[in-house]
Amino acid sequence: MWTRKHLLGLEDLTAEEITAILDQAAVFKSESLSGDSKLDLLAGTVVANLFFEPSTRTRTSFSLAAKRLSADTIDFTAASSSLSKGETFIDTALNLQAMGASLVVVRHKTPGAPHLLARRVDAGVLNAGDGTHEHPTQALLDIFTIREKRGTLEGLTVTLVGDILHSRVARSNIWGLKKLGARVVVCGPSTLIPPRIEELGVEVSHRLDDVIAEADCVNLLRIQFERQRGAFFPSIREYTQFFGMNAERLRNAKPDVMILAPGPINRGVELTPEVADGPHSVILEQVTNGLAIRMACLFLLQQRQEAGDPQ
């Protein structure tokens, strides 16, 4: 049963709560495939999308998810807002709440911004990515995609490859995967692996070739060029040589290995085109599943809003 007012990250969720979201997403995906593309479950609800960082996929997915549930949406962009006139982040959210928004989806460059917002507004807050901290719905759609293909996460080895240091996706994936029983390996240059990350219960490797053969799923994280403030590896060419997924590495992997990647992907860097578009790739399925996951999150949060006295 879902009892939370906000969805701020996967660190605080239980395995049962994560499963509740996945199960609800499965229902919505099934209904969409059966032709019921628009449901009236959130008719009369106003969803405000507050994006203080650039986004295409996540923002579009949330907006479409709300519309599939018949909600009204307010789409906010920082560049064209009153923030440029001195209005604060909190004031913006309070004004949108005053317009009737009962759910607020927020992306912000500052870690913890959604948590601050949740303490100041009555609306339910859904974290769409806060700095390098968490990106819960991306991790949920990754986990949903794996569960859909394999039936369970229990006992699977999932390898996260790349820029772990700057990746909010990696952090959310680690929390969710571990709680559902997966073994998690993080792999990347030593400069892009956070110190003491083993304390989260993951294994660390600095050579993809050493761990590729035992991986059931490989999630290739995008190099976060926009968040880096230094040279973390000598060159893109060298990174690709040691950590890029190509046809040769794929031949050394399990025959049924799954290749995932949170968009946007850098073709030729994290993975080659033949891998991105090949039979092991579930990248476009991740995009499809993202819509179902975000529908589920919006629906469950609004249900709790309507129930009253939420946590």
Protein backbone atom coordinates (compact mmCIF):
# COMPACT_ATOMS: atom_id res chain seq x y z
CA MET A 1 0.00 0.00 0.00
CA TRP A 2 1.28 3.47 -0.87
CA THR A 3 1.25 5.92 2.07
CA ARG A 4 3.73 8.67 1.14
CA LYS A 5 2.85 12.23 0.20
CA HIS A 6 6.10 12.78 -1.73
CA LEU A 7 8.49 10.75 -3.88
CA LEU A 8 11.89 12.31 -3.23
CA GLY A 9 14.20 9.34 -3.79
CA LEU A 10 14.60 5.59 -3.52
CA GLU A 11 16.95 5.69 -0.53
CA ASP A 12 14.04 5.98 1.91
CA LEU A 13 11.62 3.61 0.16
CA THR A 14 11.09 0.02 1.21
CA ALA A 15 11.18 -2.90 -1.21
CA GLU A 16 7.41 -3.14 -0.84
CA GLU A 17 6.91 0.50 -1.80
CA ILE A 18 9.14 0.17 -4.84
CA THR A 19 7.24 -2.96 -5.86
CA ALA A 20 3.94 -1.11 -5.47
CA ILE A 21 5.09 1.47 -8.02
CA LEU A 22 6.34 -1.22 -10.41
CA ASP A 23 3.08 -3.17 -10.13
CA GLN A 24 0.97 -0.07 -10.78
CA ALA A 25 3.15 0.79 -13.79
CA ALA A 26 2.59 -2.71 -15.16
CA VAL A 27 -1.17 -2.16 -14.94
CA PHE A 28 -0.95 1.15 -16.78
CA LYS A 29 1.29 -0.30 -19.47
CA SER A 30 -1.10 -3.18 -20.00
CA GLU A 31 -4.06 -0.81 -20.30
CA SER A 32 -2.18 1.35 -22.80
CA LEU A 33 -1.33 -1.66 -24.92
CA SER A 34 -4.96 -2.76 -24.87
CA GLY A 35 -6.03 0.52 -26.42
CA ASP A 36 -7.06 2.49 -23.31
CA SER A 37 -4.54 5.23 -24.02
CA LYS A 38 -6.27 7.87 -21.89
CA LEU A 39 -7.70 7.30 -18.43
CA ASP A 40 -9.72 9.72 -16.31
CA LEU A 41 -8.04 8.83 -13.02
CA LEU A 42 -6.57 12.30 -12.50
CA ALA A 43 -9.33 14.34 -14.09
CA GLY A 44 -9.47 17.69 -12.30
CA THR A 45 -5.95 17.33 -10.90
CA VAL A 46 -3.37 20.00 -11.77
CA VAL A 47 0.25 18.85 -12.18
CA ALA A 48 2.97 21.53 -12.24
CA ASN A 49 6.22 20.60 -14.01
CA LEU A 50 8.99 22.79 -12.56
CA PHE A 51 12.21 22.26 -14.50
CA PHE A 52 15.15 24.42 -13.47
CA GLU A 53 17.54 22.39 -15.65
CA PRO A 54 17.32 21.46 -19.34
CA SER A 55 15.37 18.28 -20.03
CA THR A 56 13.67 16.72 -23.01
CA ARG A 57 12.84 13.11 -22.21
CA THR A 58 11.96 13.38 -18.53
CA ARG A 59 9.93 16.55 -18.90
CA THR A 60 8.04 15.28 -21.95
CA SER A 61 7.43 11.93 -20.25
CA PHE A 62 5.96 13.53 -17.12
CA SER A 63 3.79 15.87 -19.17
CA LEU A 64 2.47 13.04 -21.32
CA ALA A 65 1.95 10.81 -18.27
CA ALA A 66 -0.20 13.49 -16.64
CA LYS A 67 -2.23 13.95 -19.81
CA ARG A 68 -2.73 10.19 -20.20
CA LEU A 69 -4.36 10.30 -16.77
CA SER A 70 -6.50 13.32 -17.83
CA ALA A 71 -4.73 15.78 -15.51
CA ASP A 72 -4.20 19.43 -16.38
CA THR A 73 -0.56 20.51 -16.59
CA ILE A 74 1.41 23.69 -15.94
CA ASP A 75 4.77 23.58 -17.68
CA PHE A 76 7.37 25.88 -16.14
CA THR A 77 10.78 26.85 -17.51
CA ALA A 78 13.24 28.88 -15.47
CA ALA A 79 14.53 30.89 -18.42
CA SER A 80 11.16 32.50 -19.15
CA SER A 81 9.93 32.77 -15.56
CA SER A 82 9.80 35.40 -12.84
CA LEU A 83 12.99 33.92 -11.39
CA SER A 84 14.78 36.26 -13.77
CA LYS A 85 13.02 39.12 -11.93
CA GLY A 86 14.12 37.98 -8.50
CA GLU A 87 11.37 35.55 -7.48
CA THR A 88 12.60 32.68 -5.32
CA PHE A 89 12.32 28.99 -6.05
CA ILE A 90 9.87 28.52 -3.18
CA ASP A 91 7.75 31.52 -4.17
CA THR A 92 7.39 30.13 -7.67
CA ALA A 93 6.12 26.82 -6.31
CA LEU A 94 3.75 28.51 -3.86
CA ASN A 95 2.28 30.61 -6.67
CA LEU A 96 1.67 27.52 -8.78
CA GLN A 97 0.09 25.80 -5.80
CA ALA A 98 -2.18 28.84 -5.43
CA MET A 99 -3.26 28.22 -9.02
CA GLY A 100 -4.50 24.79 -7.97
CA ALA A 101 -1.51 22.50 -8.46
CA SER A 102 -1.75 19.51 -6.12
CA LEU A 103 1.29 17.71 -7.56
CA VAL A 104 4.64 19.34 -8.29
CA VAL A 105 7.29 17.62 -10.41
CA VAL A 106 10.63 19.34 -9.88
CA ARG A 107 14.08 19.12 -11.42
CA HIS A 108 16.80 21.30 -9.94
CA LYS A 109 20.59 21.53 -10.12
CA THR A 110 20.90 21.70 -6.32
CA PRO A 111 20.87 18.41 -4.38
CA GLY A 112 18.07 18.44 -1.84
CA ALA A 113 15.96 21.10 -3.58
CA PRO A 114 12.87 18.81 -3.83
CA HIS A 115 13.21 18.00 -0.11
CA LEU A 116 13.23 21.71 0.74
CA LEU A 117 10.19 22.24 -1.46
CA ALA A 118 8.34 19.35 0.19
CA ARG A 119 8.70 21.09 3.56
CA ARG A 120 7.19 24.34 2.26
CA VAL A 121 4.24 23.35 0.08
CA ASP A 122 1.06 21.37 0.68
CA ALA A 123 1.26 19.74 -2.75
CA GLY A 124 2.83 16.35 -3.32
CA VAL A 125 6.40 16.71 -4.60
CA LEU A 126 7.99 14.32 -7.09
CA ASN A 127 11.74 14.52 -7.64
CA ALA A 128 12.65 14.53 -11.35
CA GLY A 129 16.36 14.85 -10.59
CA ASP A 130 18.25 16.97 -8.06
CA GLY A 131 21.85 17.71 -8.93
CA THR A 132 24.03 14.65 -8.46
CA HIS A 133 21.80 13.27 -5.70
CA GLU A 134 18.89 11.15 -7.02
CA HIS A 135 16.68 10.59 -10.07
CA PRO A 136 14.12 8.12 -8.72
CA THR A 137 11.83 7.71 -11.72
CA GLN A 138 14.76 6.97 -14.05
CA ALA A 139 15.93 4.22 -11.72
CA LEU A 140 12.38 2.91 -11.41
CA LEU A 141 11.98 2.65 -15.17
CA ASP A 142 15.37 0.91 -15.42
CA ILE A 143 14.33 -1.57 -12.74
CA PHE A 144 10.89 -2.02 -14.28
CA THR A 145 12.48 -2.84 -17.66
CA ILE A 146 14.72 -5.47 -16.08
CA ARG A 147 11.87 -7.00 -14.09
CA GLU A 148 9.64 -7.09 -17.16
CA LYS A 149 12.28 -9.06 -19.09
CA ARG A 150 13.57 -11.29 -16.28
CA GLY A 151 10.60 -11.57 -13.94
CA THR A 152 12.63 -10.66 -10.86
CA LEU A 153 15.66 -8.69 -9.72
CA GLU A 154 16.57 -11.25 -7.07
CA GLY A 155 19.99 -12.76 -7.77
CA LEU A 156 20.71 -10.79 -10.93
CA THR A 157 24.05 -9.03 -11.43
CA VAL A 158 23.57 -5.47 -12.66
CA THR A 159 26.67 -3.54 -13.69
CA LEU A 160 26.57 0.25 -13.76
CA VAL A 161 29.30 1.58 -16.03
CA GLY A 162 30.70 5.07 -16.38
CA ASP A 163 30.46 8.35 -14.50
CA ILE A 164 29.26 7.09 -11.13
CA LEU A 165 30.63 10.15 -9.33
CA HIS A 166 28.30 12.67 -10.98
CA SER A 167 25.36 10.36 -11.70
CA ARG A 168 22.08 10.78 -9.80
CA VAL A 169 20.80 7.85 -11.88
CA ALA A 170 23.51 5.58 -10.45
CA ARG A 171 22.63 6.50 -6.87
CA SER A 172 18.92 5.84 -7.31
CA ASN A 173 19.62 2.60 -9.16
CA ILE A 174 21.90 1.36 -6.39
CA TRP A 175 19.25 1.96 -3.71
CA GLY A 176 16.48 0.34 -5.74
CA LEU A 177 18.42 -2.61 -7.10
CA LYS A 178 19.89 -3.56 -3.74
CA LYS A 179 16.50 -3.44 -2.03
CA LEU A 180 15.05 -5.81 -4.62
CA GLY A 181 17.84 -8.34 -4.22
CA ALA A 182 20.20 -7.61 -7.09
CA ARG A 183 23.96 -7.73 -6.92
CA VAL A 184 25.33 -4.36 -8.06
CA VAL A 185 28.75 -3.74 -9.58
CA VAL A 186 29.94 -0.22 -10.38
CA CYS A 187 32.62 0.12 -13.01
CA GLY A 188 34.55 3.11 -14.28
CA PRO A 189 37.81 5.05 -14.03
CA SER A 190 38.98 5.45 -10.45
CA THR A 191 38.49 9.21 -10.80
CA LEU A 192 34.77 8.70 -11.53
CA ILE A 193 34.02 6.27 -8.68
CA PRO A 194 33.02 7.96 -5.40
CA PRO A 195 35.22 7.11 -2.40
CA ARG A 196 33.78 4.57 0.04
CA ILE A 197 30.93 3.66 -2.33
CA GLU A 198 31.39 0.06 -1.21
CA GLU A 199 29.60 1.11 1.98
CA LEU A 200 26.38 1.13 -0.08
CA GLY A 201 26.78 -2.61 -0.62
CA VAL A 202 28.15 -2.51 -4.15
CA GLU A 203 31.27 -4.01 -5.69
CA VAL A 204 33.79 -1.86 -7.56
CA SER A 205 35.76 -2.58 -10.71
CA HIS A 206 37.99 -0.36 -12.80
CA ARG A 207 38.06 -2.71 -15.78
CA LEU A 208 34.90 -3.48 -17.74
CA ASP A 209 36.57 -6.50 -19.34
CA ASP A 210 36.96 -8.07 -15.88
CA VAL A 211 33.23 -7.97 -15.06
CA ILE A 212 31.40 -8.08 -18.39
CA ALA A 213 31.13 -11.89 -18.49
CA GLU A 214 29.16 -12.11 -15.23
CA ALA A 215 26.72 -9.27 -15.86
CA ASP A 216 23.06 -10.04 -16.52
CA CYS A 217 22.37 -6.37 -17.22
CA VAL A 218 24.74 -3.55 -18.15
CA ASN A 219 23.55 0.01 -17.60
CA LEU A 220 25.80 2.41 -19.51
CA LEU A 221 25.69 5.79 -17.81
CA ARG A 222 26.24 8.96 -19.79
CA ILE A 223 29.43 10.91 -19.15
CA GLN A 224 28.21 14.00 -17.29
CA PHE A 225 30.31 16.57 -19.15
CA GLU A 226 28.10 19.42 -17.92
CA ARG A 227 28.69 18.53 -14.25
CA GLN A 228 32.41 17.88 -14.42
CA ARG A 229 34.83 20.57 -13.30
CA GLY A 230 38.08 18.92 -14.25
CA ALA A 231 39.80 16.29 -16.37
CA PHE A 232 38.70 12.91 -15.01
CA PHE A 233 40.24 10.85 -17.82
CA PRO A 234 42.87 11.62 -20.47
CA SER A 235 40.54 11.61 -23.49
CA ILE A 236 37.18 10.47 -24.81
CA ARG A 237 39.02 8.02 -27.05
CA GLU A 238 40.72 6.38 -24.07
CA TYR A 239 37.49 6.23 -22.09
CA THR A 240 35.75 4.52 -25.00
CA GLN A 241 38.62 2.08 -25.39
CA PHE A 242 38.37 0.86 -21.79
CA PHE A 243 34.71 1.41 -20.87
CA GLY A 244 32.70 1.68 -24.07
CA MET A 245 30.37 -1.16 -25.01
CA ASN A 246 31.14 -2.45 -28.49
CA ALA A 247 30.57 -5.61 -30.52
CA GLU A 248 33.75 -7.25 -29.24
CA ARG A 249 32.83 -6.78 -25.59
CA LEU A 250 29.31 -7.95 -26.32
CA ARG A 251 30.71 -11.25 -27.60
CA ASN A 252 32.34 -11.76 -24.19
CA ALA A 253 29.08 -11.13 -22.34
CA LYS A 254 26.27 -13.54 -21.52
CA PRO A 255 24.17 -14.50 -24.57
CA ASP A 256 21.08 -12.88 -23.05
CA VAL A 257 22.74 -9.82 -21.51
CA MET A 258 20.54 -6.71 -21.40
CA ILE A 259 21.98 -3.35 -22.44
CA LEU A 260 20.39 -0.30 -20.83
CA ALA A 261 21.27 3.38 -21.05
CA PRO A 262 19.55 6.44 -19.60
CA GLY A 263 19.18 9.01 -22.37
CA PRO A 264 20.51 10.97 -23.97
CA ILE A 265 23.20 8.56 -25.11
CA ASN A 266 26.54 9.60 -26.57
CA ARG A 267 26.87 7.24 -29.53
CA GLY A 268 30.46 6.19 -30.01
CA VAL A 269 31.35 7.05 -26.41
CA GLU A 270 29.41 4.88 -23.93
CA LEU A 271 28.31 2.47 -26.65
CA THR A 272 28.65 1.97 -30.38
CA PRO A 273 25.67 2.27 -32.77
CA GLU A 274 25.53 -1.49 -33.42
CA VAL A 275 25.11 -2.08 -29.68
CA ALA A 276 22.63 0.75 -29.16
CA ASP A 277 20.45 -0.52 -32.01
CA GLY A 278 21.15 -4.24 -31.59
CA PRO A 279 19.02 -7.09 -30.20
CA HIS A 280 20.45 -6.82 -26.66
CA SER A 281 19.47 -3.16 -26.33
CA VAL A 282 16.31 -2.21 -24.43
CA ILE A 283 16.95 1.54 -24.60
CA LEU A 284 13.75 2.43 -26.45
CA GLU A 285 11.78 0.10 -24.20
CA GLN A 286 13.12 2.10 -21.27
CA VAL A 287 11.58 5.22 -22.80
CA THR A 288 8.22 3.48 -23.22
CA ASN A 289 8.37 2.14 -19.68
CA GLY A 290 9.23 5.58 -18.36
CA LEU A 291 5.77 6.77 -19.31
CA ALA A 292 4.12 3.93 -17.36
CA ILE A 293 6.35 4.53 -14.33
CA ARG A 294 5.57 8.24 -14.23
CA MET A 295 1.87 7.59 -14.63
CA ALA A 296 2.10 5.24 -11.65
CA CYS A 297 3.97 7.77 -9.50
CA LEU A 298 1.56 10.60 -10.25
CA PHE A 299 -1.45 8.35 -9.62
CA LEU A 300 -0.19 6.96 -6.30
CA LEU A 301 0.80 10.39 -4.97
CA GLN A 302 -2.54 11.90 -5.91
CA GLN A 303 -4.41 8.99 -4.31
CA ARG A 304 -2.57 9.72 -1.07
CA GLN A 305 -3.37 13.44 -1.39
CA GLU A 306 -7.04 12.65 -1.69
CA ALA A 307 -6.92 10.23 1.25
CA GLY A 308 -5.89 13.07 3.58
CA ASP A 309 -3.37 13.33 6.42
CA PRO A 310 -0.48 12.07 4.28
CA GLN A 311 3.01 11.49 5.61
